[in-house]
């Protein structure tokens, strides 16, 4: 968990990019990473606390496994699984008043669940967990646009986001309204803007087809941030799937973003060491090992 300040001037930005231990989902395919991020965002004074829960690159890993991604026979040694995720999310929502649950993309692909259900399992379980928003990852296009539109976009009960994907005709009219560049959510008494982004390399990594154009992330995000600020929203999260290096660039270059939640590169950042800063308001707490493999670390760009 981390508490970071925000203000109309000179905001610090929190960058969080989750990945599996030892570097990739292929090595540890059964583990579900979950980061708990506490952010104090205010206009002039500390008055409101936001808890952000987020996942990324789950790749249809819905069942518990052993720590080395094998079959799990002893409950005490099992990790991951959607049931554990549900338990922890419910616990935190019961304890905290302002909670967002976000996903940074690549729910698709990776286990027999996706092979059989082709994305319907993603919509089912994400709806059950009560996600507030999701960014599109490159693997969401592995079965083409139809494989995204029918099983997922038309079934989910939360906004799916990407600011840098532009649809052209004849697809534009079919997909219009099923994904958005941003969403404004009311959390307690405050408005929080969430802007999505997706790797510009998706056309060479997956099968989005010729009617979707993937634009540069940074200018696309800046356009939406500027729009949100004209609407009076001053608490803004960039949620996306372009990799850790791009996440850091977004934190550095997109003015007005408070928190960056990213995925894609599965970069293992967690060291087991609590981060310490000279700033009074910063607190970092270990991920909860009982429910998820420790997999995330928070970086601040000041």
C-alpha atoms as a PDB file:
ATOM      1  CA  UNK A   1       0.000   0.000   0.000  1.00  0.00           C
ATOM      2  CA  UNK A   2       1.189   3.497  -0.619  1.00  0.00           C
ATOM      3  CA  UNK A   3      -0.114   6.913   0.229  1.00  0.00           C
ATOM      4  CA  UNK A   4       0.763   9.660  -2.202  1.00  0.00           C
ATOM      5  CA  UNK A   5      -0.391  13.269  -2.346  1.00  0.00           C
ATOM      6  CA  UNK A   6      -2.052  15.104  -5.165  1.00  0.00           C
ATOM      7  CA  UNK A   7      -2.802  18.765  -5.537  1.00  0.00           C
ATOM      8  CA  UNK A   8      -3.688  21.190  -8.303  1.00  0.00           C
ATOM      9  CA  UNK A   9      -0.011  22.130  -8.582  1.00  0.00           C
ATOM     10  CA  UNK A  10       3.066  19.946  -8.784  1.00  0.00           C
ATOM     11  CA  UNK A  11       1.494  16.562  -8.216  1.00  0.00           C
ATOM     12  CA  UNK A  12       3.689  13.628  -7.422  1.00  0.00           C
ATOM     13  CA  UNK A  13       2.855  10.605  -9.539  1.00  0.00           C
ATOM     14  CA  UNK A  14       2.699   7.022  -8.441  1.00  0.00           C
ATOM     15  CA  UNK A  15       3.710   4.396 -10.959  1.00  0.00           C
ATOM     16  CA  UNK A  16       2.735   0.801 -10.333  1.00  0.00           C
ATOM     17  CA  UNK A  17       3.411  -1.968 -12.804  1.00  0.00           C
ATOM     18  CA  UNK A  18       2.677  -5.471 -11.566  1.00  0.00           C
ATOM     19  CA  UNK A  19       4.342  -8.636 -12.744  1.00  0.00           C
ATOM     20  CA  UNK A  20       4.773 -12.218 -11.677  1.00  0.00           C
ATOM     21  CA  UNK A  21       7.646 -13.381  -9.551  1.00  0.00           C
ATOM     22  CA  UNK A  22      10.613 -14.532 -11.586  1.00  0.00           C
ATOM     23  CA  UNK A  23       9.491 -12.447 -14.481  1.00  0.00           C
ATOM     24  CA  UNK A  24       6.738 -14.052 -16.503  1.00  0.00           C
ATOM     25  CA  UNK A  25       3.348 -15.716 -16.439  1.00  0.00           C
ATOM     26  CA  UNK A  26       4.725 -18.678 -18.336  1.00  0.00           C
ATOM     27  CA  UNK A  27       6.902 -19.509 -15.340  1.00  0.00           C
ATOM     28  CA  UNK A  28       4.241 -18.983 -12.696  1.00  0.00           C
ATOM     29  CA  UNK A  29       0.911 -19.323 -14.493  1.00  0.00           C
ATOM     30  CA  UNK A  30      -1.373 -19.856 -11.511  1.00  0.00           C
ATOM     31  CA  UNK A  31      -0.742 -16.803  -9.399  1.00  0.00           C
ATOM     32  CA  UNK A  32      -2.992 -13.787  -9.185  1.00  0.00           C
ATOM     33  CA  UNK A  33      -1.196 -10.531  -8.382  1.00  0.00           C
ATOM     34  CA  UNK A  34      -3.087  -7.895  -6.442  1.00  0.00           C
ATOM     35  CA  UNK A  35      -1.627  -4.588  -5.340  1.00  0.00           C
ATOM     36  CA  UNK A  36      -3.160  -2.452  -2.640  1.00  0.00           C
ATOM     37  CA  UNK A  37      -2.480   1.227  -3.200  1.00  0.00           C
ATOM     38  CA  UNK A  38      -3.673   3.872  -0.767  1.00  0.00           C
ATOM     39  CA  UNK A  39      -3.619   7.368  -2.200  1.00  0.00           C
ATOM     40  CA  UNK A  40      -4.435  10.552  -0.354  1.00  0.00           C
ATOM     41  CA  UNK A  41      -5.601  13.021  -2.975  1.00  0.00           C
ATOM     42  CA  UNK A  42      -6.848  16.430  -2.021  1.00  0.00           C
ATOM     43  CA  UNK A  43      -7.417  20.004  -3.090  1.00  0.00           C
ATOM     44  CA  UNK A  44      -5.423  22.017  -0.623  1.00  0.00           C
ATOM     45  CA  UNK A  45      -5.941  19.849   2.473  1.00  0.00           C
ATOM     46  CA  UNK A  46      -5.926  16.149   3.294  1.00  0.00           C
ATOM     47  CA  UNK A  47      -9.582  15.151   3.431  1.00  0.00           C
ATOM     48  CA  UNK A  48     -10.130  12.055   1.342  1.00  0.00           C
ATOM     49  CA  UNK A  49      -8.473   8.641   1.058  1.00  0.00           C
ATOM     50  CA  UNK A  50      -8.671   6.355  -1.971  1.00  0.00           C
ATOM     51  CA  UNK A  51      -7.743   2.670  -1.944  1.00  0.00           C
ATOM     52  CA  UNK A  52      -6.840   1.253  -5.358  1.00  0.00           C
ATOM     53  CA  UNK A  53      -6.822  -2.511  -5.852  1.00  0.00           C
ATOM     54  CA  UNK A  54      -5.471  -3.653  -9.190  1.00  0.00           C
ATOM     55  CA  UNK A  55      -4.516  -6.699 -11.214  1.00  0.00           C
ATOM     56  CA  UNK A  56      -2.901  -7.228 -14.605  1.00  0.00           C
ATOM     57  CA  UNK A  57      -1.869 -10.026 -16.974  1.00  0.00           C
ATOM     58  CA  UNK A  58      -4.022 -12.662 -15.303  1.00  0.00           C
ATOM     59  CA  UNK A  59      -4.327 -14.620 -18.568  1.00  0.00           C
ATOM     60  CA  UNK A  60      -7.293 -16.733 -17.452  1.00  0.00           C
ATOM     61  CA  UNK A  61      -5.464 -17.961 -14.336  1.00  0.00           C
ATOM     62  CA  UNK A  62      -8.605 -18.648 -12.349  1.00  0.00           C
ATOM     63  CA  UNK A  63      -7.601 -21.687 -10.295  1.00  0.00           C
ATOM     64  CA  UNK A  64      -5.188 -21.938  -7.383  1.00  0.00           C
ATOM     65  CA  UNK A  65      -1.793 -23.544  -7.942  1.00  0.00           C
ATOM     66  CA  UNK A  66       1.353 -24.382  -6.023  1.00  0.00           C
ATOM     67  CA  UNK A  67       3.964 -21.635  -5.744  1.00  0.00           C
ATOM     68  CA  UNK A  68       5.864 -23.090  -8.716  1.00  0.00           C
ATOM     69  CA  UNK A  69       2.700 -23.185 -10.837  1.00  0.00           C
ATOM     70  CA  UNK A  70       2.089 -26.903 -10.459  1.00  0.00           C
ATOM     71  CA  UNK A  71      -0.964 -28.764  -9.228  1.00  0.00           C
ATOM     72  CA  UNK A  72      -2.023 -27.888  -5.725  1.00  0.00           C
ATOM     73  CA  UNK A  73      -3.024 -30.663  -3.334  1.00  0.00           C
ATOM     74  CA  UNK A  74      -2.378 -29.117   0.093  1.00  0.00           C
ATOM     75  CA  UNK A  75      -4.551 -26.079   0.733  1.00  0.00           C
ATOM     76  CA  UNK A  76      -2.002 -24.423   3.028  1.00  0.00           C
ATOM     77  CA  UNK A  77       0.555 -24.408   0.208  1.00  0.00           C
ATOM     78  CA  UNK A  78      -1.757 -23.182  -2.520  1.00  0.00           C
ATOM     79  CA  UNK A  79      -1.632 -19.670  -3.932  1.00  0.00           C
ATOM     80  CA  UNK A  80      -3.709 -17.575  -6.273  1.00  0.00           C
ATOM     81  CA  UNK A  81      -7.107 -18.342  -7.681  1.00  0.00           C
ATOM     82  CA  UNK A  82     -10.186 -16.228  -8.146  1.00  0.00           C
ATOM     83  CA  UNK A  83     -11.665 -17.430  -4.830  1.00  0.00           C
ATOM     84  CA  UNK A  84      -8.744 -15.984  -2.855  1.00  0.00           C
ATOM     85  CA  UNK A  85      -8.963 -12.806  -4.878  1.00  0.00           C
ATOM     86  CA  UNK A  86     -12.653 -12.501  -4.032  1.00  0.00           C
ATOM     87  CA  UNK A  87     -11.984 -13.029  -0.330  1.00  0.00           C
ATOM     88  CA  UNK A  88      -9.346 -10.312  -0.120  1.00  0.00           C
ATOM     89  CA  UNK A  89     -11.303  -7.818  -2.210  1.00  0.00           C
ATOM     90  CA  UNK A  90     -14.373  -8.331  -0.032  1.00  0.00           C
ATOM     91  CA  UNK A  91     -12.276  -7.882   3.113  1.00  0.00           C
ATOM     92  CA  UNK A  92     -10.778  -4.595   1.950  1.00  0.00           C
ATOM     93  CA  UNK A  93     -14.064  -3.235   0.670  1.00  0.00           C
ATOM     94  CA  UNK A  94     -15.524  -3.971   4.085  1.00  0.00           C
ATOM     95  CA  UNK A  95     -12.720  -2.140   5.859  1.00  0.00           C
ATOM     96  CA  UNK A  96     -12.257   0.879   3.571  1.00  0.00           C
ATOM     97  CA  UNK A  97     -14.817   3.430   2.455  1.00  0.00           C
ATOM     98  CA  UNK A  98     -13.404   4.490  -0.943  1.00  0.00           C
ATOM     99  CA  UNK A  99     -12.161   1.538  -2.992  1.00  0.00           C
ATOM    100  CA  UNK A 100     -11.519   1.089  -6.716  1.00  0.00           C
ATOM    101  CA  UNK A 101     -10.816  -2.301  -8.324  1.00  0.00           C
ATOM    102  CA  UNK A 102      -8.970  -1.955 -11.639  1.00  0.00           C
ATOM    103  CA  UNK A 103      -7.420  -4.283 -14.210  1.00  0.00           C
ATOM    104  CA  UNK A 104      -4.587  -3.303 -16.563  1.00  0.00           C
ATOM    105  CA  UNK A 105      -5.346  -5.763 -19.347  1.00  0.00           C
ATOM    106  CA  UNK A 106      -4.492  -9.210 -20.724  1.00  0.00           C
ATOM    107  CA  UNK A 107      -7.229 -11.156 -19.026  1.00  0.00           C
ATOM    108  CA  UNK A 108      -7.381 -13.251 -22.214  1.00  0.00           C
ATOM    109  CA  UNK A 109      -5.262 -16.261 -23.177  1.00  0.00           C
ATOM    110  CA  UNK A 110      -3.178 -18.694 -21.167  1.00  0.00           C
ATOM    111  CA  UNK A 111      -5.196 -21.635 -19.823  1.00  0.00           C
ATOM    112  CA  UNK A 112      -7.856 -24.110 -20.863  1.00  0.00           C
ATOM    113  CA  UNK A 113     -10.440 -21.711 -19.443  1.00  0.00           C
ATOM    114  CA  UNK A 114      -9.812 -19.349 -22.346  1.00  0.00           C
ATOM    115  CA  UNK A 115      -9.472 -22.185 -24.865  1.00  0.00           C
ATOM    116  CA  UNK A 116     -12.949 -23.453 -23.984  1.00  0.00           C
ATOM    117  CA  UNK A 117     -14.869 -20.305 -23.051  1.00  0.00           C
ATOM    118  CA  UNK A 118     -13.021 -17.793 -25.279  1.00  0.00           C
ATOM    119  CA  UNK A 119     -13.400 -14.811 -22.972  1.00  0.00           C
ATOM    120  CA  UNK A 120     -16.832 -15.498 -21.525  1.00  0.00           C
ATOM    121  CA  UNK A 121     -15.103 -16.670 -18.340  1.00  0.00           C
ATOM    122  CA  UNK A 122     -13.386 -13.292 -18.073  1.00  0.00           C
ATOM    123  CA  UNK A 123     -16.660 -11.369 -18.178  1.00  0.00           C
ATOM    124  CA  UNK A 124     -18.291 -13.779 -15.730  1.00  0.00           C
ATOM    125  CA  UNK A 125     -15.636 -13.616 -13.029  1.00  0.00           C
ATOM    126  CA  UNK A 126     -14.768  -9.937 -13.427  1.00  0.00           C
ATOM    127  CA  UNK A 127     -18.454  -9.078 -13.072  1.00  0.00           C
ATOM    128  CA  UNK A 128     -18.652 -11.304  -9.999  1.00  0.00           C
ATOM    129  CA  UNK A 129     -15.640  -9.598  -8.432  1.00  0.00           C
ATOM    130  CA  UNK A 130     -17.121  -6.182  -9.149  1.00  0.00           C
ATOM    131  CA  UNK A 131     -14.363  -4.526 -11.152  1.00  0.00           C
ATOM    132  CA  UNK A 132     -14.725  -0.783 -11.633  1.00  0.00           C
ATOM    133  CA  UNK A 133     -12.734  -0.503 -14.882  1.00  0.00           C
ATOM    134  CA  UNK A 134     -10.439  -2.444 -17.199  1.00  0.00           C
ATOM    135  CA  UNK A 135      -7.877  -1.416 -19.805  1.00  0.00           C
ATOM    136  CA  UNK A 136      -7.585  -3.381 -23.035  1.00  0.00           C
ATOM    137  CA  UNK A 137      -4.439  -5.490 -23.374  1.00  0.00           C
ATOM    138  CA  UNK A 138      -2.970  -6.818 -26.605  1.00  0.00           C
ATOM    139  CA  UNK A 139      -4.157 -10.382 -25.915  1.00  0.00           C
ATOM    140  CA  UNK A 140      -7.766  -9.216 -25.770  1.00  0.00           C
ATOM    141  CA  UNK A 141      -7.516  -9.145 -29.595  1.00  0.00           C
ATOM    142  CA  UNK A 142      -6.176 -12.697 -30.032  1.00  0.00           C
ATOM    143  CA  UNK A 143      -9.503 -13.889 -31.455  1.00  0.00           C
ATOM    144  CA  UNK A 144     -10.032 -10.739 -33.483  1.00  0.00           C
ATOM    145  CA  UNK A 145     -12.463  -7.943 -32.740  1.00  0.00           C
ATOM    146  CA  UNK A 146     -15.433 -10.321 -32.763  1.00  0.00           C
ATOM    147  CA  UNK A 147     -13.716 -12.420 -30.117  1.00  0.00           C
ATOM    148  CA  UNK A 148     -13.500  -9.322 -27.956  1.00  0.00           C
ATOM    149  CA  UNK A 149     -16.852  -7.736 -28.712  1.00  0.00           C
ATOM    150  CA  UNK A 150     -19.169 -10.708 -28.155  1.00  0.00           C
ATOM    151  CA  UNK A 151     -17.675 -12.545 -25.173  1.00  0.00           C
ATOM    152  CA  UNK A 152     -16.360  -9.538 -23.249  1.00  0.00           C
ATOM    153  CA  UNK A 153     -17.359  -6.024 -24.300  1.00  0.00           C
ATOM    154  CA  UNK A 154     -21.055  -6.835 -24.607  1.00  0.00           C
ATOM    155  CA  UNK A 155     -21.121  -8.782 -21.333  1.00  0.00           C
ATOM    156  CA  UNK A 156     -19.173  -6.775 -18.778  1.00  0.00           C
ATOM    157  CA  UNK A 157     -20.883  -4.492 -16.273  1.00  0.00           C
ATOM    158  CA  UNK A 158     -18.006  -2.022 -15.989  1.00  0.00           C
ATOM    159  CA  UNK A 159     -16.234   0.321 -18.446  1.00  0.00           C
ATOM    160  CA  UNK A 160     -13.477  -1.012 -20.707  1.00  0.00           C
ATOM    161  CA  UNK A 161     -10.990   1.705 -21.597  1.00  0.00           C
ATOM    162  CA  UNK A 162      -8.420   2.713 -24.199  1.00  0.00           C
ATOM    163  CA  UNK A 163      -7.732   6.290 -25.252  1.00  0.00           C
ATOM    164  CA  UNK A 164      -5.309   5.453 -28.060  1.00  0.00           C
ATOM    165  CA  UNK A 165      -7.411   2.924 -30.010  1.00  0.00           C
ATOM    166  CA  UNK A 166      -9.445   4.561 -32.772  1.00  0.00           C
ATOM    167  CA  UNK A 167     -12.011   2.593 -34.756  1.00  0.00           C
ATOM    168  CA  UNK A 168     -12.762   3.409 -38.392  1.00  0.00           C
ATOM    169  CA  UNK A 169     -15.697   2.335 -40.538  1.00  0.00           C
ATOM    170  CA  UNK A 170     -17.190  -0.145 -41.020  1.00  0.00           C
ATOM    171  CA  UNK A 171     -16.137  -1.265 -37.532  1.00  0.00           C
ATOM    172  CA  UNK A 172     -16.591   2.071 -35.783  1.00  0.00           C
ATOM    173  CA  UNK A 173     -20.386   1.941 -35.777  1.00  0.00           C
ATOM    174  CA  UNK A 174     -20.386  -1.670 -34.525  1.00  0.00           C
ATOM    175  CA  UNK A 175     -18.018  -1.150 -31.612  1.00  0.00           C
ATOM    176  CA  UNK A 176     -19.098   2.361 -30.653  1.00  0.00           C
ATOM    177  CA  UNK A 177     -20.100   2.594 -27.008  1.00  0.00           C
ATOM    178  CA  UNK A 178     -18.501  -0.690 -25.989  1.00  0.00           C
ATOM    179  CA  UNK A 179     -15.169   0.826 -25.024  1.00  0.00           C
ATOM    180  CA  UNK A 180     -14.268   4.373 -24.020  1.00  0.00           C
ATOM    181  CA  UNK A 181     -11.192   6.598 -23.758  1.00  0.00           C
ATOM    182  CA  UNK A 182     -11.962   7.448 -20.150  1.00  0.00           C
ATOM    183  CA  UNK A 183     -14.543   7.120 -17.431  1.00  0.00           C
ATOM    184  CA  UNK A 184     -15.386   9.440 -14.560  1.00  0.00           C
ATOM    185  CA  UNK A 185     -16.356   7.552 -11.416  1.00  0.00           C
ATOM    186  CA  UNK A 186     -17.860   8.997  -8.265  1.00  0.00           C
ATOM    187  CA  UNK A 187     -15.975   7.606  -5.278  1.00  0.00           C
ATOM    188  CA  UNK A 188     -17.425   8.844  -2.025  1.00  0.00           C
ATOM    189  CA  UNK A 189     -17.755  12.579  -2.471  1.00  0.00           C
ATOM    190  CA  UNK A 190     -15.057  12.899  -5.125  1.00  0.00           C
ATOM    191  CA  UNK A 191     -14.775  12.429  -8.889  1.00  0.00           C
ATOM    192  CA  UNK A 192     -11.980  10.186 -10.179  1.00  0.00           C
ATOM    193  CA  UNK A 193     -11.063  10.073 -13.856  1.00  0.00           C
ATOM    194  CA  UNK A 194      -9.639   6.835 -15.244  1.00  0.00           C
ATOM    195  CA  UNK A 195      -8.026   6.894 -18.699  1.00  0.00           C
ATOM    196  CA  UNK A 196      -7.103   3.705 -20.540  1.00  0.00           C
ATOM    197  CA  UNK A 197      -4.252   2.973 -22.945  1.00  0.00           C
ATOM    198  CA  UNK A 198      -3.040  -0.035 -24.937  1.00  0.00           C
ATOM    199  CA  UNK A 199       0.306  -0.956 -26.471  1.00  0.00           C
ATOM    200  CA  UNK A 200       0.848   0.648 -29.855  1.00  0.00           C
ATOM    201  CA  UNK A 201       2.498  -2.639 -30.878  1.00  0.00           C
ATOM    202  CA  UNK A 202      -0.771  -4.582 -30.609  1.00  0.00           C
ATOM    203  CA  UNK A 203      -1.199  -4.964 -34.416  1.00  0.00           C
ATOM    204  CA  UNK A 204       2.032  -7.000 -34.564  1.00  0.00           C
ATOM    205  CA  UNK A 205       1.390  -8.828 -31.293  1.00  0.00           C
ATOM    206  CA  UNK A 206      -2.209  -9.866 -31.870  1.00  0.00           C
ATOM    207  CA  UNK A 207      -5.087  -9.715 -34.378  1.00  0.00           C
ATOM    208  CA  UNK A 208      -7.017  -6.453 -34.033  1.00  0.00           C
ATOM    209  CA  UNK A 209      -7.617  -6.197 -37.772  1.00  0.00           C
ATOM    210  CA  UNK A 210      -7.302  -3.259 -40.129  1.00  0.00           C
ATOM    211  CA  UNK A 211     -10.150  -1.137 -38.784  1.00  0.00           C
ATOM    212  CA  UNK A 212      -8.551  -0.319 -35.438  1.00  0.00           C
ATOM    213  CA  UNK A 213      -5.733   2.209 -35.316  1.00  0.00           C
ATOM    214  CA  UNK A 214      -3.355   2.253 -32.336  1.00  0.00           C
ATOM    215  CA  UNK A 215      -1.992   5.740 -31.731  1.00  0.00           C
ATOM    216  CA  UNK A 216       0.874   6.970 -29.553  1.00  0.00           C
ATOM    217  CA  UNK A 217       0.029   6.613 -25.883  1.00  0.00           C
ATOM    218  CA  UNK A 218       1.409   9.856 -24.483  1.00  0.00           C
ATOM    219  CA  UNK A 219      -0.373  12.413 -26.729  1.00  0.00           C
ATOM    220  CA  UNK A 220      -3.562  10.352 -26.577  1.00  0.00           C
ATOM    221  CA  UNK A 221      -3.473  10.373 -22.790  1.00  0.00           C
ATOM    222  CA  UNK A 222      -2.644  14.071 -22.583  1.00  0.00           C
ATOM    223  CA  UNK A 223      -5.660  14.920 -24.736  1.00  0.00           C
ATOM    224  CA  UNK A 224      -7.972  13.039 -22.373  1.00  0.00           C
ATOM    225  CA  UNK A 225      -6.325  14.427 -19.233  1.00  0.00           C
ATOM    226  CA  UNK A 226      -6.840  17.948 -20.549  1.00  0.00           C
ATOM    227  CA  UNK A 227     -10.476  17.133 -21.256  1.00  0.00           C
ATOM    228  CA  UNK A 228     -11.000  15.768 -17.748  1.00  0.00           C
ATOM    229  CA  UNK A 229      -9.431  18.817 -16.170  1.00  0.00           C
ATOM    230  CA  UNK A 230     -11.749  21.119 -18.109  1.00  0.00           C
ATOM    231  CA  UNK A 231     -14.584  19.045 -16.629  1.00  0.00           C
ATOM    232  CA  UNK A 232     -13.288  19.769 -13.145  1.00  0.00           C
ATOM    233  CA  UNK A 233     -11.745  16.354 -12.485  1.00  0.00           C
ATOM    234  CA  UNK A 234      -8.402  16.689 -10.679  1.00  0.00           C
ATOM    235  CA  UNK A 235      -7.858  13.098  -9.549  1.00  0.00           C
ATOM    236  CA  UNK A 236      -6.711  11.113 -12.575  1.00  0.00           C
ATOM    237  CA  UNK A 237      -5.497   7.528 -12.996  1.00  0.00           C
ATOM    238  CA  UNK A 238      -3.823   6.249 -16.166  1.00  0.00           C
ATOM    239  CA  UNK A 239      -4.691   2.554 -16.487  1.00  0.00           C
ATOM    240  CA  UNK A 240      -3.063   0.651 -19.302  1.00  0.00           C
ATOM    241  CA  UNK A 241      -1.141  -2.096 -20.983  1.00  0.00           C
ATOM    242  CA  UNK A 242       2.023  -0.847 -22.675  1.00  0.00           C
ATOM    243  CA  UNK A 243       4.824  -2.061 -20.402  1.00  0.00           C
ATOM    244  CA  UNK A 244       6.861  -0.654 -17.549  1.00  0.00           C
ATOM    245  CA  UNK A 245       9.101   1.618 -19.621  1.00  0.00           C
ATOM    246  CA  UNK A 246       6.087   3.319 -21.188  1.00  0.00           C
ATOM    247  CA  UNK A 247       4.429   3.555 -17.773  1.00  0.00           C
ATOM    248  CA  UNK A 248       7.421   5.510 -16.480  1.00  0.00           C
ATOM    249  CA  UNK A 249       7.359   7.798 -19.523  1.00  0.00           C
ATOM    250  CA  UNK A 250       3.669   8.468 -18.966  1.00  0.00           C
ATOM    251  CA  UNK A 251       4.363   9.429 -15.354  1.00  0.00           C
ATOM    252  CA  UNK A 252       7.114  11.768 -16.493  1.00  0.00           C
ATOM    253  CA  UNK A 253       5.481  13.368 -19.525  1.00  0.00           C
ATOM    254  CA  UNK A 254       1.699  13.379 -19.176  1.00  0.00           C
ATOM    255  CA  UNK A 255       0.778  16.424 -17.129  1.00  0.00           C
ATOM    256  CA  UNK A 256      -2.079  15.935 -14.707  1.00  0.00           C
ATOM    257  CA  UNK A 257      -1.849  12.180 -14.129  1.00  0.00           C
ATOM    258  CA  UNK A 258      -1.658  11.223 -10.443  1.00  0.00           C
ATOM    259  CA  UNK A 259      -1.309   7.439 -10.599  1.00  0.00           C
ATOM    260  CA  UNK A 260      -0.190   5.072 -13.366  1.00  0.00           C
ATOM    261  CA  UNK A 261      -1.358   1.452 -13.165  1.00  0.00           C
ATOM    262  CA  UNK A 262       0.300  -0.674 -15.836  1.00  0.00           C
ATOM    263  CA  UNK A 263       0.874  -4.150 -17.195  1.00  0.00           C
ATOM    264  CA  UNK A 264       2.202  -6.054 -20.233  1.00  0.00           C
ATOM    265  CA  UNK A 265       5.908  -6.609 -19.497  1.00  0.00           C
ATOM    266  CA  UNK A 266       5.349  -8.711 -16.350  1.00  0.00           C
ATOM    267  CA  UNK A 267       8.254  -6.843 -14.792  1.00  0.00           C
ATOM    268  CA  UNK A 268       9.016  -8.260 -11.347  1.00  0.00           C
ATOM    269  CA  UNK A 269       9.622  -5.202  -9.202  1.00  0.00           C
ATOM    270  CA  UNK A 270       8.913  -6.432  -5.689  1.00  0.00           C
ATOM    271  CA  UNK A 271      12.076  -6.801  -3.580  1.00  0.00           C
ATOM    272  CA  UNK A 272      10.621  -7.588  -0.170  1.00  0.00           C
ATOM    273  CA  UNK A 273      12.035  -4.334   1.164  1.00  0.00           C
ATOM    274  CA  UNK A 274       9.711  -1.624   2.392  1.00  0.00           C
ATOM    275  CA  UNK A 275      10.331   1.586   0.464  1.00  0.00           C
ATOM    276  CA  UNK A 276      11.240   4.533   2.654  1.00  0.00           C
ATOM    277  CA  UNK A 277      11.108   8.191   1.705  1.00  0.00           C
ATOM    278  CA  UNK A 278      11.706  11.392   3.603  1.00  0.00           C
ATOM    279  CA  UNK A 279       8.136  12.466   2.923  1.00  0.00           C
ATOM    280  CA  UNK A 280       5.887  12.195   5.977  1.00  0.00           C
ATOM    281  CA  UNK A 281       2.827  11.226   4.014  1.00  0.00           C
ATOM    282  CA  UNK A 282       4.290   8.183   2.255  1.00  0.00           C
ATOM    283  CA  UNK A 283       3.635   4.697   3.567  1.00  0.00           C
ATOM    284  CA  UNK A 284       4.324   1.453   1.715  1.00  0.00           C
ATOM    285  CA  UNK A 285       3.008  -1.872   3.001  1.00  0.00           C
ATOM    286  CA  UNK A 286       3.796  -5.404   1.828  1.00  0.00           C
ATOM    287  CA  UNK A 287       1.330  -7.167  -0.460  1.00  0.00           C
ATOM    288  CA  UNK A 288      -0.641  -9.749   1.524  1.00  0.00           C
ATOM    289  CA  UNK A 289       1.228 -13.008   1.016  1.00  0.00           C
ATOM    290  CA  UNK A 290      -1.583 -15.220   2.271  1.00  0.00           C
ATOM    291  CA  UNK A 291      -3.791 -14.345  -0.660  1.00  0.00           C
ATOM    292  CA  UNK A 292      -1.406 -13.557  -3.474  1.00  0.00           C
ATOM    293  CA  UNK A 293       2.213 -14.030  -4.339  1.00  0.00           C
ATOM    294  CA  UNK A 294       4.032 -10.748  -3.597  1.00  0.00           C
ATOM    295  CA  UNK A 295       4.403  -9.289  -7.041  1.00  0.00           C
ATOM    296  CA  UNK A 296       4.264  -5.517  -7.101  1.00  0.00           C
ATOM    297  CA  UNK A 297       6.181  -2.473  -6.072  1.00  0.00           C
ATOM    298  CA  UNK A 298       5.272   1.196  -6.218  1.00  0.00           C
ATOM    299  CA  UNK A 299       7.564   3.807  -7.733  1.00  0.00           C
ATOM    300  CA  UNK A 300       7.173   7.554  -7.411  1.00  0.00           C
ATOM    301  CA  UNK A 301       8.397  10.076  -9.938  1.00  0.00           C
ATOM    302  CA  UNK A 302       8.744  13.361  -8.071  1.00  0.00           C
END
